[in-house]
């Protein structure tokens, strides 16, 4: 499935999260999806994005690692459904939005956390989501710089994977 479609699915699921466990599961799913997108870009994305994409993979993995993994059927793991990353710029724009929403959801959870463990999980996950979003923004800057230096006839050269 296309990355943008998976991101949209994650955004809607995060918004529908009814309680803390649902939201935490969606945050984990979003981080896993960011990790998969980073991995895909690191392997076969535009060369100037590969270092930042690898960093995104590591940071999003840390975001998953600080949270308790949700109990999911293998078919429900959105990151595993990623088969296409057609437009790197659009994917990164959407992923940046998702990671911002993840941070907001985590702030809400942290402020109402009933126990210290949940609070600190949220704090660590906020940090990971914020750093992941910073990597996404840096990749978008690099794509914009790349488009500026390409000759006029090659504006449509591949920015996707």
C-alpha atoms as a PDB file:
ATOM      1  CA  UNK A   1       0.000   0.000   0.000  1.00  0.00           C
ATOM      2  CA  UNK A   2       1.177   3.548  -0.712  1.00  0.00           C
ATOM      3  CA  UNK A   3       2.882   5.391   2.151  1.00  0.00           C
ATOM      4  CA  UNK A   4       0.572   8.418   1.949  1.00  0.00           C
ATOM      5  CA  UNK A   5      -2.492   6.211   2.231  1.00  0.00           C
ATOM      6  CA  UNK A   6      -1.034   4.452   5.278  1.00  0.00           C
ATOM      7  CA  UNK A   7      -0.183   7.795   6.870  1.00  0.00           C
ATOM      8  CA  UNK A   8      -3.749   9.019   6.295  1.00  0.00           C
ATOM      9  CA  UNK A   9      -5.075   5.822   7.879  1.00  0.00           C
ATOM     10  CA  UNK A  10      -2.820   6.389  10.893  1.00  0.00           C
ATOM     11  CA  UNK A  11      -3.926  10.009  11.239  1.00  0.00           C
ATOM     12  CA  UNK A  12      -7.589   9.013  11.258  1.00  0.00           C
ATOM     13  CA  UNK A  13      -6.995   6.168  13.707  1.00  0.00           C
ATOM     14  CA  UNK A  14      -5.031   8.458  16.037  1.00  0.00           C
ATOM     15  CA  UNK A  15      -7.853  11.010  15.967  1.00  0.00           C
ATOM     16  CA  UNK A  16     -10.394   8.272  16.796  1.00  0.00           C
ATOM     17  CA  UNK A  17      -8.384   6.975  19.759  1.00  0.00           C
ATOM     18  CA  UNK A  18     -10.959   6.673  22.511  1.00  0.00           C
ATOM     19  CA  UNK A  19      -8.764   5.952  25.500  1.00  0.00           C
ATOM     20  CA  UNK A  20      -5.113   5.932  26.520  1.00  0.00           C
ATOM     21  CA  UNK A  21      -4.361   2.358  25.373  1.00  0.00           C
ATOM     22  CA  UNK A  22      -5.881   3.060  21.932  1.00  0.00           C
ATOM     23  CA  UNK A  23      -3.902   6.274  21.545  1.00  0.00           C
ATOM     24  CA  UNK A  24      -0.675   4.597  22.695  1.00  0.00           C
ATOM     25  CA  UNK A  25      -1.240   1.802  20.174  1.00  0.00           C
ATOM     26  CA  UNK A  26      -1.732   4.354  17.396  1.00  0.00           C
ATOM     27  CA  UNK A  27       1.361   6.278  18.469  1.00  0.00           C
ATOM     28  CA  UNK A  28       3.328   3.025  18.280  1.00  0.00           C
ATOM     29  CA  UNK A  29       1.853   2.314  14.829  1.00  0.00           C
ATOM     30  CA  UNK A  30       2.805   5.817  13.633  1.00  0.00           C
ATOM     31  CA  UNK A  31       6.378   5.417  14.877  1.00  0.00           C
ATOM     32  CA  UNK A  32       6.653   1.990  13.236  1.00  0.00           C
ATOM     33  CA  UNK A  33       5.397   3.494   9.976  1.00  0.00           C
ATOM     34  CA  UNK A  34       7.927   6.340  10.230  1.00  0.00           C
ATOM     35  CA  UNK A  35      10.629   3.735  10.795  1.00  0.00           C
ATOM     36  CA  UNK A  36       9.551   1.801   7.687  1.00  0.00           C
ATOM     37  CA  UNK A  37       9.424   4.951   5.554  1.00  0.00           C
ATOM     38  CA  UNK A  38      12.854   6.021   6.806  1.00  0.00           C
ATOM     39  CA  UNK A  39      14.233   2.588   6.007  1.00  0.00           C
ATOM     40  CA  UNK A  40      12.784   2.657   2.500  1.00  0.00           C
ATOM     41  CA  UNK A  41      14.215   6.118   1.839  1.00  0.00           C
ATOM     42  CA  UNK A  42      17.604   5.127   3.288  1.00  0.00           C
ATOM     43  CA  UNK A  43      17.858   2.174   0.931  1.00  0.00           C
ATOM     44  CA  UNK A  44      16.390   3.505  -2.282  1.00  0.00           C
ATOM     45  CA  UNK A  45      15.502   7.166  -1.846  1.00  0.00           C
ATOM     46  CA  UNK A  46      17.280  10.152  -3.331  1.00  0.00           C
ATOM     47  CA  UNK A  47      20.970   9.966  -2.353  1.00  0.00           C
ATOM     48  CA  UNK A  48      20.938  13.274  -0.474  1.00  0.00           C
ATOM     49  CA  UNK A  49      18.216  11.974   1.852  1.00  0.00           C
ATOM     50  CA  UNK A  50      19.799   8.683   2.810  1.00  0.00           C
ATOM     51  CA  UNK A  51      21.704   9.866   5.896  1.00  0.00           C
ATOM     52  CA  UNK A  52      18.714  11.701   7.348  1.00  0.00           C
ATOM     53  CA  UNK A  53      16.455   8.782   6.428  1.00  0.00           C
ATOM     54  CA  UNK A  54      18.694   6.411   8.343  1.00  0.00           C
ATOM     55  CA  UNK A  55      18.494   8.774  11.310  1.00  0.00           C
ATOM     56  CA  UNK A  56      14.696   8.784  11.014  1.00  0.00           C
ATOM     57  CA  UNK A  57      14.706   4.994  11.068  1.00  0.00           C
ATOM     58  CA  UNK A  58      16.742   4.966  14.271  1.00  0.00           C
ATOM     59  CA  UNK A  59      14.703   7.682  16.011  1.00  0.00           C
ATOM     60  CA  UNK A  60      11.354   6.164  15.085  1.00  0.00           C
ATOM     61  CA  UNK A  61      12.645   2.805  16.301  1.00  0.00           C
ATOM     62  CA  UNK A  62      13.466   4.448  19.605  1.00  0.00           C
ATOM     63  CA  UNK A  63       9.920   5.867  19.629  1.00  0.00           C
ATOM     64  CA  UNK A  64       8.562   2.337  19.314  1.00  0.00           C
ATOM     65  CA  UNK A  65      11.001   1.010  21.887  1.00  0.00           C
ATOM     66  CA  UNK A  66       9.921   3.348  24.685  1.00  0.00           C
ATOM     67  CA  UNK A  67       6.296   2.261  24.347  1.00  0.00           C
ATOM     68  CA  UNK A  68       4.766  -1.073  25.174  1.00  0.00           C
ATOM     69  CA  UNK A  69       4.095  -2.762  21.836  1.00  0.00           C
ATOM     70  CA  UNK A  70       0.380  -3.143  21.142  1.00  0.00           C
ATOM     71  CA  UNK A  71      -1.122  -6.564  20.670  1.00  0.00           C
ATOM     72  CA  UNK A  72      -1.757  -6.575  16.933  1.00  0.00           C
ATOM     73  CA  UNK A  73      -2.514  -9.237  14.418  1.00  0.00           C
ATOM     74  CA  UNK A  74       0.300  -9.292  11.835  1.00  0.00           C
ATOM     75  CA  UNK A  75      -2.105  -7.975   9.186  1.00  0.00           C
ATOM     76  CA  UNK A  76      -2.910  -4.932  11.323  1.00  0.00           C
ATOM     77  CA  UNK A  77       0.658  -3.619  11.403  1.00  0.00           C
ATOM     78  CA  UNK A  78       0.545  -0.690   8.974  1.00  0.00           C
ATOM     79  CA  UNK A  79       4.317  -0.516   8.557  1.00  0.00           C
ATOM     80  CA  UNK A  80       4.285  -4.067   7.172  1.00  0.00           C
ATOM     81  CA  UNK A  81       1.728  -2.979   4.553  1.00  0.00           C
ATOM     82  CA  UNK A  82       4.099  -0.399   3.037  1.00  0.00           C
ATOM     83  CA  UNK A  83       4.736  -1.434  -0.545  1.00  0.00           C
ATOM     84  CA  UNK A  84       5.042   1.878  -2.355  1.00  0.00           C
ATOM     85  CA  UNK A  85       6.596   5.250  -1.730  1.00  0.00           C
ATOM     86  CA  UNK A  86       5.749   6.999  -4.964  1.00  0.00           C
ATOM     87  CA  UNK A  87       6.431  10.632  -4.054  1.00  0.00           C
ATOM     88  CA  UNK A  88       9.071  11.295  -1.399  1.00  0.00           C
ATOM     89  CA  UNK A  89       8.106  14.955  -0.949  1.00  0.00           C
ATOM     90  CA  UNK A  90       4.393  14.285  -0.454  1.00  0.00           C
ATOM     91  CA  UNK A  91       5.141  11.336   1.813  1.00  0.00           C
ATOM     92  CA  UNK A  92       7.445  13.441   3.978  1.00  0.00           C
ATOM     93  CA  UNK A  93       4.930  16.297   4.183  1.00  0.00           C
ATOM     94  CA  UNK A  94       2.239  13.881   5.347  1.00  0.00           C
ATOM     95  CA  UNK A  95       4.590  12.071   7.726  1.00  0.00           C
ATOM     96  CA  UNK A  96       5.637  15.375   9.296  1.00  0.00           C
ATOM     97  CA  UNK A  97       1.971  16.160   9.933  1.00  0.00           C
ATOM     98  CA  UNK A  98       1.386  12.740  11.472  1.00  0.00           C
ATOM     99  CA  UNK A  99       4.396  13.064  13.768  1.00  0.00           C
ATOM    100  CA  UNK A 100       3.170  16.484  14.894  1.00  0.00           C
ATOM    101  CA  UNK A 101      -0.229  14.988  15.720  1.00  0.00           C
ATOM    102  CA  UNK A 102       1.495  12.150  17.581  1.00  0.00           C
ATOM    103  CA  UNK A 103       3.291  14.709  19.747  1.00  0.00           C
ATOM    104  CA  UNK A 104       0.044  16.530  20.514  1.00  0.00           C
ATOM    105  CA  UNK A 105      -1.731  13.286  21.410  1.00  0.00           C
ATOM    106  CA  UNK A 106       1.141  12.303  23.690  1.00  0.00           C
ATOM    107  CA  UNK A 107       1.090  15.664  25.481  1.00  0.00           C
ATOM    108  CA  UNK A 108      -2.600  15.076  26.181  1.00  0.00           C
ATOM    109  CA  UNK A 109      -1.895  11.594  27.506  1.00  0.00           C
ATOM    110  CA  UNK A 110       1.022  12.744  29.644  1.00  0.00           C
ATOM    111  CA  UNK A 111      -0.978  15.544  31.216  1.00  0.00           C
ATOM    112  CA  UNK A 112      -3.664  13.105  32.299  1.00  0.00           C
ATOM    113  CA  UNK A 113      -1.432  10.136  33.095  1.00  0.00           C
ATOM    114  CA  UNK A 114      -2.566   8.214  36.144  1.00  0.00           C
ATOM    115  CA  UNK A 115       0.881   6.832  36.890  1.00  0.00           C
ATOM    116  CA  UNK A 116       4.490   7.868  36.591  1.00  0.00           C
ATOM    117  CA  UNK A 117       5.412   5.060  34.177  1.00  0.00           C
ATOM    118  CA  UNK A 118       2.847   6.208  31.599  1.00  0.00           C
ATOM    119  CA  UNK A 119       3.938   9.814  32.060  1.00  0.00           C
ATOM    120  CA  UNK A 120       7.599   9.017  31.386  1.00  0.00           C
ATOM    121  CA  UNK A 121       6.746   6.768  28.440  1.00  0.00           C
ATOM    122  CA  UNK A 122       4.848   9.682  26.948  1.00  0.00           C
ATOM    123  CA  UNK A 123       7.725  12.082  27.597  1.00  0.00           C
ATOM    124  CA  UNK A 124      10.234   9.778  25.895  1.00  0.00           C
ATOM    125  CA  UNK A 125       7.844   9.165  22.995  1.00  0.00           C
ATOM    126  CA  UNK A 126       7.251  12.932  22.618  1.00  0.00           C
ATOM    127  CA  UNK A 127      10.997  13.429  22.382  1.00  0.00           C
ATOM    128  CA  UNK A 128      11.341  10.679  19.754  1.00  0.00           C
ATOM    129  CA  UNK A 129       8.399  12.010  17.704  1.00  0.00           C
ATOM    130  CA  UNK A 130       9.815  15.543  17.834  1.00  0.00           C
ATOM    131  CA  UNK A 131      13.280  14.421  16.756  1.00  0.00           C
ATOM    132  CA  UNK A 132      11.770  12.242  14.017  1.00  0.00           C
ATOM    133  CA  UNK A 133       9.793  15.219  12.763  1.00  0.00           C
ATOM    134  CA  UNK A 134      12.982  17.297  12.735  1.00  0.00           C
ATOM    135  CA  UNK A 135      14.577  14.665  10.461  1.00  0.00           C
ATOM    136  CA  UNK A 136      11.541  14.770   8.175  1.00  0.00           C
ATOM    137  CA  UNK A 137      11.760  18.569   7.949  1.00  0.00           C
ATOM    138  CA  UNK A 138      15.463  18.360   7.152  1.00  0.00           C
ATOM    139  CA  UNK A 139      14.750  15.878   4.350  1.00  0.00           C
ATOM    140  CA  UNK A 140      12.111  18.252   2.969  1.00  0.00           C
ATOM    141  CA  UNK A 141      14.683  21.076   3.008  1.00  0.00           C
ATOM    142  CA  UNK A 142      17.141  18.871   1.141  1.00  0.00           C
ATOM    143  CA  UNK A 143      14.514  17.977  -1.450  1.00  0.00           C
ATOM    144  CA  UNK A 144      13.699  21.670  -1.938  1.00  0.00           C
ATOM    145  CA  UNK A 145      17.400  22.485  -2.374  1.00  0.00           C
ATOM    146  CA  UNK A 146      17.727  19.630  -4.829  1.00  0.00           C
ATOM    147  CA  UNK A 147      14.849  20.953  -6.923  1.00  0.00           C
ATOM    148  CA  UNK A 148      16.441  24.416  -7.000  1.00  0.00           C
ATOM    149  CA  UNK A 149      19.724  23.165  -8.439  1.00  0.00           C
ATOM    150  CA  UNK A 150      18.304  20.771 -11.029  1.00  0.00           C
ATOM    151  CA  UNK A 151      18.378  22.082 -14.591  1.00  0.00           C
ATOM    152  CA  UNK A 152      15.013  23.357 -15.841  1.00  0.00           C
ATOM    153  CA  UNK A 153      14.385  20.320 -18.057  1.00  0.00           C
ATOM    154  CA  UNK A 154      14.795  17.879 -15.195  1.00  0.00           C
ATOM    155  CA  UNK A 155      12.332  19.383 -12.684  1.00  0.00           C
ATOM    156  CA  UNK A 156      10.278  16.188 -12.988  1.00  0.00           C
ATOM    157  CA  UNK A 157      13.190  13.918 -12.202  1.00  0.00           C
ATOM    158  CA  UNK A 158      12.328  11.300  -9.623  1.00  0.00           C
ATOM    159  CA  UNK A 159      11.895  12.540  -6.089  1.00  0.00           C
ATOM    160  CA  UNK A 160      10.227   9.317  -5.113  1.00  0.00           C
ATOM    161  CA  UNK A 161      11.306   5.783  -4.556  1.00  0.00           C
END
